[in-house]
Amino acid sequence: MKEINMTKAISCMPDKFITMEMVELAATEHRPELVNYLPEKYITSEILDSIFKTDDYGWRSWQLSKIPEEKRNRQICRKRLSKYIFYSSFSLLT
């Protein structure tokens, strides 16, 4: 059986057809780029925790600006910064 990439499916879908069940399934794929395609109403702490449960992002890119400020946490911001700097050597970010 062929594996379905829900993140890719959501990226091609109009917002009005996206459901919470689809978002939950896509979040279990742990693909950070999913935040680039989610309507704001589906961005919850639980969904973000599921998306960012991995440290293996490979080449995938995601935009911190797609996550509303009130829903960001230290872990998410550190993950975004870690692409650009080695944050563990900076006491400000730990």
PDB file of N, CA and C in Angstrom:
ATOM      1  N   MET A   1       0.836  -1.181   0.000  1.00  0.00           N
ATOM      2  CA  MET A   1       0.000   0.000   0.000  1.00  0.00           C
ATOM      3  C   MET A   1       0.884   1.249   0.000  1.00  0.00           C
ATOM      4  N   LYS A   2       0.545   2.201  -0.824  1.00  0.00           N
ATOM      5  CA  LYS A   2       1.326   3.426  -0.955  1.00  0.00           C
ATOM      6  C   LYS A   2       1.072   4.351   0.237  1.00  0.00           C
ATOM      7  N   GLU A   3       2.155   4.905   0.775  1.00  0.00           N
ATOM      8  CA  GLU A   3       2.046   5.835   1.899  1.00  0.00           C
ATOM      9  C   GLU A   3       1.570   7.196   1.400  1.00  0.00           C
ATOM     10  N   ILE A   4       0.649   7.784   2.135  1.00  0.00           N
ATOM     11  CA  ILE A   4       0.107   9.093   1.772  1.00  0.00           C
ATOM     12  C   ILE A   4       0.854  10.172   2.544  1.00  0.00           C
ATOM     13  N   ASN A   5       1.326  11.178   1.850  1.00  0.00           N
ATOM     14  CA  ASN A   5       1.996  12.312   2.462  1.00  0.00           C
ATOM     15  C   ASN A   5       0.927  13.376   2.724  1.00  0.00           C
ATOM     16  N   MET A   6       0.411  13.410   3.958  1.00  0.00           N
ATOM     17  CA  MET A   6      -0.673  14.336   4.292  1.00  0.00           C
ATOM     18  C   MET A   6      -0.210  15.789   4.256  1.00  0.00           C
ATOM     19  N   THR A   7       1.043  16.035   4.583  1.00  0.00           N
ATOM     20  CA  THR A   7       1.559  17.399   4.518  1.00  0.00           C
ATOM     21  C   THR A   7       1.484  17.915   3.087  1.00  0.00           C
ATOM     22  N   LYS A   8       1.897  17.097   2.148  1.00  0.00           N
ATOM     23  CA  LYS A   8       1.830  17.477   0.732  1.00  0.00           C
ATOM     24  C   LYS A   8       0.381  17.681   0.300  1.00  0.00           C
ATOM     25  N   ALA A   9      -0.509  16.797   0.742  1.00  0.00           N
ATOM     26  CA  ALA A   9      -1.925  16.920   0.393  1.00  0.00           C
ATOM     27  C   ALA A   9      -2.503  18.234   0.914  1.00  0.00           C
ATOM     28  N   ILE A  10      -2.202  18.570   2.163  1.00  0.00           N
ATOM     29  CA  ILE A  10      -2.705  19.814   2.754  1.00  0.00           C
ATOM     30  C   ILE A  10      -2.130  21.025   2.029  1.00  0.00           C
ATOM     31  N   SER A  11      -0.875  20.933   1.598  1.00  0.00           N
ATOM     32  CA  SER A  11      -0.246  22.070   0.916  1.00  0.00           C
ATOM     33  C   SER A  11      -0.936  22.408  -0.405  1.00  0.00           C
ATOM     34  N   CYS A  12      -1.610  21.437  -0.989  1.00  0.00           N
ATOM     35  CA  CYS A  12      -2.277  21.641  -2.281  1.00  0.00           C
ATOM     36  C   CYS A  12      -3.783  21.866  -2.147  1.00  0.00           C
ATOM     37  N   MET A  13      -4.278  21.900  -0.938  1.00  0.00           N
ATOM     38  CA  MET A  13      -5.714  21.919  -0.706  1.00  0.00           C
ATOM     39  C   MET A  13      -6.205  23.302  -0.265  1.00  0.00           C
ATOM     40  N   PRO A  14      -7.342  23.744  -0.765  1.00  0.00           N
ATOM     41  CA  PRO A  14      -7.928  24.996  -0.262  1.00  0.00           C
ATOM     42  C   PRO A  14      -8.273  24.858   1.226  1.00  0.00           C
ATOM     43  N   ASP A  15      -8.086  25.933   1.976  1.00  0.00           N
ATOM     44  CA  ASP A  15      -8.321  25.914   3.422  1.00  0.00           C
ATOM     45  C   ASP A  15      -9.693  25.370   3.799  1.00  0.00           C
ATOM     46  N   LYS A  16     -10.699  25.661   3.011  1.00  0.00           N
ATOM     47  CA  LYS A  16     -12.060  25.263   3.384  1.00  0.00           C
ATOM     48  C   LYS A  16     -12.260  23.748   3.377  1.00  0.00           C
ATOM     49  N   PHE A  17     -11.356  22.999   2.764  1.00  0.00           N
ATOM     50  CA  PHE A  17     -11.475  21.544   2.727  1.00  0.00           C
ATOM     51  C   PHE A  17     -10.610  20.838   3.774  1.00  0.00           C
ATOM     52  N   ILE A  18      -9.785  21.584   4.477  1.00  0.00           N
ATOM     53  CA  ILE A  18      -8.900  20.998   5.483  1.00  0.00           C
ATOM     54  C   ILE A  18      -9.693  20.762   6.763  1.00  0.00           C
ATOM     55  N   THR A  19      -9.526  19.568   7.341  1.00  0.00           N
ATOM     56  CA  THR A  19     -10.213  19.231   8.591  1.00  0.00           C
ATOM     57  C   THR A  19      -9.189  18.999   9.698  1.00  0.00           C
ATOM     58  N   MET A  20      -9.652  19.024  10.933  1.00  0.00           N
ATOM     59  CA  MET A  20      -8.768  18.780  12.069  1.00  0.00           C
ATOM     60  C   MET A  20      -8.205  17.353  12.012  1.00  0.00           C
ATOM     61  N   GLU A  21      -8.989  16.410  11.551  1.00  0.00           N
ATOM     62  CA  GLU A  21      -8.507  15.032  11.435  1.00  0.00           C
ATOM     63  C   GLU A  21      -7.331  14.947  10.463  1.00  0.00           C
ATOM     64  N   MET A  22      -7.410  15.682   9.373  1.00  0.00           N
ATOM     65  CA  MET A  22      -6.313  15.709   8.402  1.00  0.00           C
ATOM     66  C   MET A  22      -5.068  16.337   9.017  1.00  0.00           C
ATOM     67  N   VAL A  23      -5.267  17.417   9.749  1.00  0.00           N
ATOM     68  CA  VAL A  23      -4.146  18.113  10.391  1.00  0.00           C
ATOM     69  C   VAL A  23      -3.480  17.206  11.423  1.00  0.00           C
ATOM     70  N   GLU A  24      -4.280  16.509  12.226  1.00  0.00           N
ATOM     71  CA  GLU A  24      -3.725  15.601  13.234  1.00  0.00           C
ATOM     72  C   GLU A  24      -2.904  14.494  12.582  1.00  0.00           C
ATOM     73  N   LEU A  25      -3.407  13.946  11.496  1.00  0.00           N
ATOM     74  CA  LEU A  25      -2.675  12.898  10.783  1.00  0.00           C
ATOM     75  C   LEU A  25      -1.381  13.453  10.181  1.00  0.00           C
ATOM     76  N   ALA A  26      -1.442  14.621   9.584  1.00  0.00           N
ATOM     77  CA  ALA A  26      -0.250  15.243   9.000  1.00  0.00           C
ATOM     78  C   ALA A  26       0.783  15.560  10.078  1.00  0.00           C
ATOM     79  N   ALA A  27       0.337  15.972  11.250  1.00  0.00           N
ATOM     80  CA  ALA A  27       1.259  16.313  12.339  1.00  0.00           C
ATOM     81  C   ALA A  27       2.076  15.104  12.778  1.00  0.00           C
ATOM     82  N   THR A  28       1.502  13.908  12.670  1.00  0.00           N
ATOM     83  CA  THR A  28       2.239  12.702  13.062  1.00  0.00           C
ATOM     84  C   THR A  28       3.365  12.365  12.087  1.00  0.00           C
ATOM     85  N   GLU A  29       3.396  13.034  10.941  1.00  0.00           N
ATOM     86  CA  GLU A  29       4.503  12.853   9.990  1.00  0.00           C
ATOM     87  C   GLU A  29       5.751  13.617  10.435  1.00  0.00           C
ATOM     88  N   HIS A  30       5.593  14.534  11.397  1.00  0.00           N
ATOM     89  CA  HIS A  30       6.703  15.326  11.949  1.00  0.00           C
ATOM     90  C   HIS A  30       7.449  16.101  10.871  1.00  0.00           C
ATOM     91  N   ARG A  31       6.702  16.738   9.985  1.00  0.00           N
ATOM     92  CA  ARG A  31       7.295  17.564   8.924  1.00  0.00           C
ATOM     93  C   ARG A  31       7.051  19.035   9.270  1.00  0.00           C
ATOM     94  N   PRO A  32       8.082  19.746   9.735  1.00  0.00           N
ATOM     95  CA  PRO A  32       7.909  21.134  10.156  1.00  0.00           C
ATOM     96  C   PRO A  32       7.304  22.048   9.101  1.00  0.00           C
ATOM     97  N   GLU A  33       7.505  21.749   7.834  1.00  0.00           N
ATOM     98  CA  GLU A  33       6.954  22.605   6.790  1.00  0.00           C
ATOM     99  C   GLU A  33       5.431  22.619   6.798  1.00  0.00           C
ATOM    100  N   LEU A  34       4.805  21.714   7.525  1.00  0.00           N
ATOM    101  CA  LEU A  34       3.344  21.702   7.638  1.00  0.00           C
ATOM    102  C   LEU A  34       2.820  23.043   8.146  1.00  0.00           C
ATOM    103  N   VAL A  35       3.564  23.706   9.044  1.00  0.00           N
ATOM    104  CA  VAL A  35       3.087  24.994   9.578  1.00  0.00           C
ATOM    105  C   VAL A  35       2.937  26.045   8.483  1.00  0.00           C
ATOM    106  N   ASN A  36       3.631  25.880   7.376  1.00  0.00           N
ATOM    107  CA  ASN A  36       3.515  26.831   6.266  1.00  0.00           C
ATOM    108  C   ASN A  36       2.151  26.772   5.593  1.00  0.00           C
ATOM    109  N   TYR A  37       1.443  25.667   5.755  1.00  0.00           N
ATOM    110  CA  TYR A  37       0.195  25.447   5.022  1.00  0.00           C
ATOM    111  C   TYR A  37      -1.053  25.404   5.894  1.00  0.00           C
ATOM    112  N   LEU A  38      -0.893  25.416   7.205  1.00  0.00           N
ATOM    113  CA  LEU A  38      -2.051  25.276   8.090  1.00  0.00           C
ATOM    114  C   LEU A  38      -2.818  26.580   8.258  1.00  0.00           C
ATOM    115  N   PRO A  39      -4.140  26.518   8.175  1.00  0.00           N
ATOM    116  CA  PRO A  39      -4.938  27.685   8.563  1.00  0.00           C
ATOM    117  C   PRO A  39      -4.725  27.931  10.064  1.00  0.00           C
ATOM    118  N   GLU A  40      -4.732  29.175  10.470  1.00  0.00           N
ATOM    119  CA  GLU A  40      -4.425  29.523  11.860  1.00  0.00           C
ATOM    120  C   GLU A  40      -5.302  28.786  12.867  1.00  0.00           C
ATOM    121  N   LYS A  41      -6.549  28.529  12.527  1.00  0.00           N
ATOM    122  CA  LYS A  41      -7.450  27.884  13.494  1.00  0.00           C
ATOM    123  C   LYS A  41      -7.007  26.466  13.856  1.00  0.00           C
ATOM    124  N   TYR A  42      -6.152  25.859  13.056  1.00  0.00           N
ATOM    125  CA  TYR A  42      -5.677  24.508  13.337  1.00  0.00           C
ATOM    126  C   TYR A  42      -4.316  24.475  14.027  1.00  0.00           C
ATOM    127  N   ILE A  43      -3.727  25.621  14.259  1.00  0.00           N
ATOM    128  CA  ILE A  43      -2.424  25.669  14.917  1.00  0.00           C
ATOM    129  C   ILE A  43      -2.657  25.721  16.424  1.00  0.00           C
ATOM    130  N   THR A  44      -2.503  24.557  17.051  1.00  0.00           N
ATOM    131  CA  THR A  44      -2.685  24.441  18.499  1.00  0.00           C
ATOM    132  C   THR A  44      -1.381  23.958  19.128  1.00  0.00           C
ATOM    133  N   SER A  45      -1.284  24.060  20.431  1.00  0.00           N
ATOM    134  CA  SER A  45      -0.088  23.581  21.130  1.00  0.00           C
ATOM    135  C   SER A  45       0.135  22.096  20.877  1.00  0.00           C
ATOM    136  N   GLU A  46      -0.944  21.323  20.893  1.00  0.00           N
ATOM    137  CA  GLU A  46      -0.833  19.877  20.687  1.00  0.00           C
ATOM    138  C   GLU A  46      -0.331  19.555  19.279  1.00  0.00           C
ATOM    139  N   ILE A  47      -0.868  20.253  18.296  1.00  0.00           N
ATOM    140  CA  ILE A  47      -0.441  20.033  16.911  1.00  0.00           C
ATOM    141  C   ILE A  47       1.029  20.416  16.756  1.00  0.00           C
ATOM    142  N   LEU A  48       1.422  21.555  17.306  1.00  0.00           N
ATOM    143  CA  LEU A  48       2.821  21.990  17.213  1.00  0.00           C
ATOM    144  C   LEU A  48       3.751  21.003  17.905  1.00  0.00           C
ATOM    145  N   ASP A  49       3.354  20.510  19.078  1.00  0.00           N
ATOM    146  CA  ASP A  49       4.179  19.521  19.782  1.00  0.00           C
ATOM    147  C   ASP A  49       4.382  18.272  18.934  1.00  0.00           C
ATOM    148  N   SER A  50       3.335  17.838  18.273  1.00  0.00           N
ATOM    149  CA  SER A  50       3.423  16.647  17.429  1.00  0.00           C
ATOM    150  C   SER A  50       4.314  16.890  16.208  1.00  0.00           C
ATOM    151  N   ILE A  51       4.151  18.034  15.577  1.00  0.00           N
ATOM    152  CA  ILE A  51       4.957  18.361  14.393  1.00  0.00           C
ATOM    153  C   ILE A  51       6.442  18.397  14.742  1.00  0.00           C
ATOM    154  N   PHE A  52       6.778  19.036  15.861  1.00  0.00           N
ATOM    155  CA  PHE A  52       8.183  19.267  16.215  1.00  0.00           C
ATOM    156  C   PHE A  52       8.741  18.217  17.165  1.00  0.00           C
ATOM    157  N   LYS A  53       8.172  17.033  17.149  1.00  0.00           N
ATOM    158  CA  LYS A  53       8.631  15.954  18.016  1.00  0.00           C
ATOM    159  C   LYS A  53       9.945  15.341  17.536  1.00  0.00           C
ATOM    160  N   THR A  54      10.437  15.739  16.413  1.00  0.00           N
ATOM    161  CA  THR A  54      11.666  15.189  15.835  1.00  0.00           C
ATOM    162  C   THR A  54      12.741  16.267  15.724  1.00  0.00           C
ATOM    163  N   ASP A  55      13.978  15.833  15.676  1.00  0.00           N
ATOM    164  CA  ASP A  55      15.091  16.757  15.433  1.00  0.00           C
ATOM    165  C   ASP A  55      15.625  16.610  14.018  1.00  0.00           C
ATOM    166  N   ASP A  56      15.055  15.690  13.268  1.00  0.00           N
ATOM    167  CA  ASP A  56      15.512  15.422  11.904  1.00  0.00           C
ATOM    168  C   ASP A  56      14.639  16.172  10.910  1.00  0.00           C
ATOM    169  N   TYR A  57      15.112  17.333  10.454  1.00  0.00           N
ATOM    170  CA  TYR A  57      14.336  18.127   9.508  1.00  0.00           C
ATOM    171  C   TYR A  57      14.875  18.025   8.095  1.00  0.00           C
ATOM    172  N   GLY A  58      16.095  17.524   7.960  1.00  0.00           N
ATOM    173  CA  GLY A  58      16.685  17.427   6.631  1.00  0.00           C
ATOM    174  C   GLY A  58      16.695  18.782   5.946  1.00  0.00           C
ATOM    175  N   TRP A  59      16.241  18.817   4.721  1.00  0.00           N
ATOM    176  CA  TRP A  59      16.245  20.040   3.917  1.00  0.00           C
ATOM    177  C   TRP A  59      14.979  20.855   4.116  1.00  0.00           C
ATOM    178  N   ARG A  60      14.039  20.329   4.858  1.00  0.00           N
ATOM    179  CA  ARG A  60      12.732  20.978   4.976  1.00  0.00           C
ATOM    180  C   ARG A  60      12.834  22.360   5.606  1.00  0.00           C
ATOM    181  N   SER A  61      12.049  23.258   5.079  1.00  0.00           N
ATOM    182  CA  SER A  61      12.057  24.631   5.569  1.00  0.00           C
ATOM    183  C   SER A  61      10.671  25.020   6.069  1.00  0.00           C
ATOM    184  N   TRP A  62      10.646  25.797   7.119  1.00  0.00           N
ATOM    185  CA  TRP A  62       9.377  26.288   7.651  1.00  0.00           C
ATOM    186  C   TRP A  62       9.568  27.706   8.151  1.00  0.00           C
ATOM    187  N   GLN A  63       8.470  28.439   8.206  1.00  0.00           N
ATOM    188  CA  GLN A  63       8.520  29.851   8.569  1.00  0.00           C
ATOM    189  C   GLN A  63       7.921  30.069   9.956  1.00  0.00           C
ATOM    190  N   LEU A  64       8.730  30.581  10.851  1.00  0.00           N
ATOM    191  CA  LEU A  64       8.250  30.890  12.197  1.00  0.00           C
ATOM    192  C   LEU A  64       7.102  31.886  12.142  1.00  0.00           C
ATOM    193  N   SER A  65       7.121  32.768  11.170  1.00  0.00           N
ATOM    194  CA  SER A  65       6.073  33.792  11.052  1.00  0.00           C
ATOM    195  C   SER A  65       4.692  33.196  10.784  1.00  0.00           C
ATOM    196  N   LYS A  66       4.626  31.943  10.350  1.00  0.00           N
ATOM    197  CA  LYS A  66       3.335  31.284  10.112  1.00  0.00           C
ATOM    198  C   LYS A  66       2.672  30.836  11.415  1.00  0.00           C
ATOM    199  N   ILE A  67       3.438  30.813  12.503  1.00  0.00           N
ATOM    200  CA  ILE A  67       2.896  30.436  13.806  1.00  0.00           C
ATOM    201  C   ILE A  67       2.578  31.721  14.558  1.00  0.00           C
ATOM    202  N   PRO A  68       1.318  31.925  14.945  1.00  0.00           N
ATOM    203  CA  PRO A  68       0.967  33.144  15.680  1.00  0.00           C
ATOM    204  C   PRO A  68       1.838  33.288  16.934  1.00  0.00           C
ATOM    205  N   GLU A  69       2.231  34.510  17.244  1.00  0.00           N
ATOM    206  CA  GLU A  69       3.137  34.755  18.368  1.00  0.00           C
ATOM    207  C   GLU A  69       2.648  34.142  19.668  1.00  0.00           C
ATOM    208  N   GLU A  70       1.353  34.228  19.927  1.00  0.00           N
ATOM    209  CA  GLU A  70       0.826  33.710  21.194  1.00  0.00           C
ATOM    210  C   GLU A  70       0.875  32.183  21.270  1.00  0.00           C
ATOM    211  N   LYS A  71       1.138  31.521  20.159  1.00  0.00           N
ATOM    212  CA  LYS A  71       1.211  30.059  20.148  1.00  0.00           C
ATOM    213  C   LYS A  71       2.644  29.548  20.063  1.00  0.00           C
ATOM    214  N   ARG A  72       3.607  30.442  19.978  1.00  0.00           N
ATOM    215  CA  ARG A  72       5.012  30.047  19.935  1.00  0.00           C
ATOM    216  C   ARG A  72       5.488  29.771  21.351  1.00  0.00           C
ATOM    217  N   ASN A  73       6.437  28.864  21.451  1.00  0.00           N
ATOM    218  CA  ASN A  73       7.062  28.634  22.744  1.00  0.00           C
ATOM    219  C   ASN A  73       8.579  28.617  22.548  1.00  0.00           C
ATOM    220  N   ARG A  74       9.284  28.506  23.629  1.00  0.00           N
ATOM    221  CA  ARG A  74      10.746  28.553  23.577  1.00  0.00           C
ATOM    222  C   ARG A  74      11.309  27.441  22.694  1.00  0.00           C
ATOM    223  N   GLN A  75      10.752  26.240  22.815  1.00  0.00           N
ATOM    224  CA  GLN A  75      11.249  25.104  22.037  1.00  0.00           C
ATOM    225  C   GLN A  75      11.132  25.369  20.536  1.00  0.00           C
ATOM    226  N   ILE A  76      10.004  25.883  20.106  1.00  0.00           N
ATOM    227  CA  ILE A  76       9.796  26.152  18.679  1.00  0.00           C
ATOM    228  C   ILE A  76      10.758  27.232  18.190  1.00  0.00           C
ATOM    229  N   CYS A  77      10.914  28.282  18.965  1.00  0.00           N
ATOM    230  CA  CYS A  77      11.835  29.356  18.570  1.00  0.00           C
ATOM    231  C   CYS A  77      13.276  28.848  18.504  1.00  0.00           C
ATOM    232  N   ARG A  78      13.670  28.010  19.458  1.00  0.00           N
ATOM    233  CA  ARG A  78      15.018  27.447  19.446  1.00  0.00           C
ATOM    234  C   ARG A  78      15.234  26.561  18.230  1.00  0.00           C
ATOM    235  N   LYS A  79      14.224  25.779  17.878  1.00  0.00           N
ATOM    236  CA  LYS A  79      14.356  24.918  16.701  1.00  0.00           C
ATOM    237  C   LYS A  79      14.549  25.754  15.439  1.00  0.00           C
ATOM    238  N   ARG A  80      13.838  26.875  15.360  1.00  0.00           N
ATOM    239  CA  ARG A  80      13.977  27.744  14.190  1.00  0.00           C
ATOM    240  C   ARG A  80      15.369  28.364  14.151  1.00  0.00           C
ATOM    241  N   LEU A  81      15.831  28.831  15.301  1.00  0.00           N
ATOM    242  CA  LEU A  81      17.155  29.449  15.363  1.00  0.00           C
ATOM    243  C   LEU A  81      18.275  28.448  15.128  1.00  0.00           C
ATOM    244  N   SER A  82      18.051  27.199  15.505  1.00  0.00           N
ATOM    245  CA  SER A  82      19.119  26.201  15.399  1.00  0.00           C
ATOM    246  C   SER A  82      19.561  25.977  13.960  1.00  0.00           C
ATOM    247  N   LYS A  83      18.727  26.338  13.012  1.00  0.00           N
ATOM    248  CA  LYS A  83      19.127  26.209  11.607  1.00  0.00           C
ATOM    249  C   LYS A  83      20.220  27.224  11.268  1.00  0.00           C
ATOM    250  N   TYR A  84      20.249  28.320  11.995  1.00  0.00           N
ATOM    251  CA  TYR A  84      21.168  29.409  11.673  1.00  0.00           C
ATOM    252  C   TYR A  84      22.351  29.533  12.621  1.00  0.00           C
ATOM    253  N   ILE A  85      22.167  29.119  13.859  1.00  0.00           N
ATOM    254  CA  ILE A  85      23.262  29.207  14.825  1.00  0.00           C
ATOM    255  C   ILE A  85      23.284  27.958  15.688  1.00  0.00           C
ATOM    256  N   PHE A  86      24.415  27.697  16.245  1.00  0.00           N
ATOM    257  CA  PHE A  86      24.521  26.583  17.174  1.00  0.00           C
ATOM    258  C   PHE A  86      24.120  27.122  18.542  1.00  0.00           C
ATOM    259  N   TYR A  87      22.836  27.025  18.870  1.00  0.00           N
ATOM    260  CA  TYR A  87      22.285  27.725  20.026  1.00  0.00           C
ATOM    261  C   TYR A  87      22.748  27.184  21.360  1.00  0.00           C
ATOM    262  N   SER A  88      23.212  25.967  21.449  1.00  0.00           N
ATOM    263  CA  SER A  88      23.587  25.432  22.755  1.00  0.00           C
ATOM    264  C   SER A  88      24.794  26.152  23.347  1.00  0.00           C
ATOM    265  N   SER A  89      25.554  26.852  22.521  1.00  0.00           N
ATOM    266  CA  SER A  89      26.703  27.584  23.038  1.00  0.00           C
ATOM    267  C   SER A  89      26.337  28.992  23.501  1.00  0.00           C
ATOM    268  N   PHE A  90      25.067  29.351  23.361  1.00  0.00           N
ATOM    269  CA  PHE A  90      24.616  30.674  23.764  1.00  0.00           C
ATOM    270  C   PHE A  90      23.712  30.560  24.981  1.00  0.00           C
ATOM    271  N   SER A  91      24.166  31.061  26.111  1.00  0.00           N
ATOM    272  CA  SER A  91      23.380  30.943  27.337  1.00  0.00           C
ATOM    273  C   SER A  91      22.067  31.710  27.252  1.00  0.00           C
ATOM    274  N   LEU A  92      21.983  32.700  26.401  1.00  0.00           N
ATOM    275  CA  LEU A  92      20.764  33.480  26.238  1.00  0.00           C
ATOM    276  C   LEU A  92      19.605  32.610  25.764  1.00  0.00           C
ATOM    277  N   LEU A  93      19.884  31.595  24.965  1.00  0.00           N
ATOM    278  CA  LEU A  93      18.836  30.769  24.374  1.00  0.00           C
ATOM    279  C   LEU A  93      18.577  29.475  25.132  1.00  0.00           C
ATOM    280  N   THR A  94      19.309  29.202  26.182  1.00  0.00           N
ATOM    281  CA  THR A  94      19.100  27.951  26.915  1.00  0.00           C
ATOM    282  C   THR A  94      18.251  28.150  28.128  1.00  0.00           C
TER     283      THR A  94
END
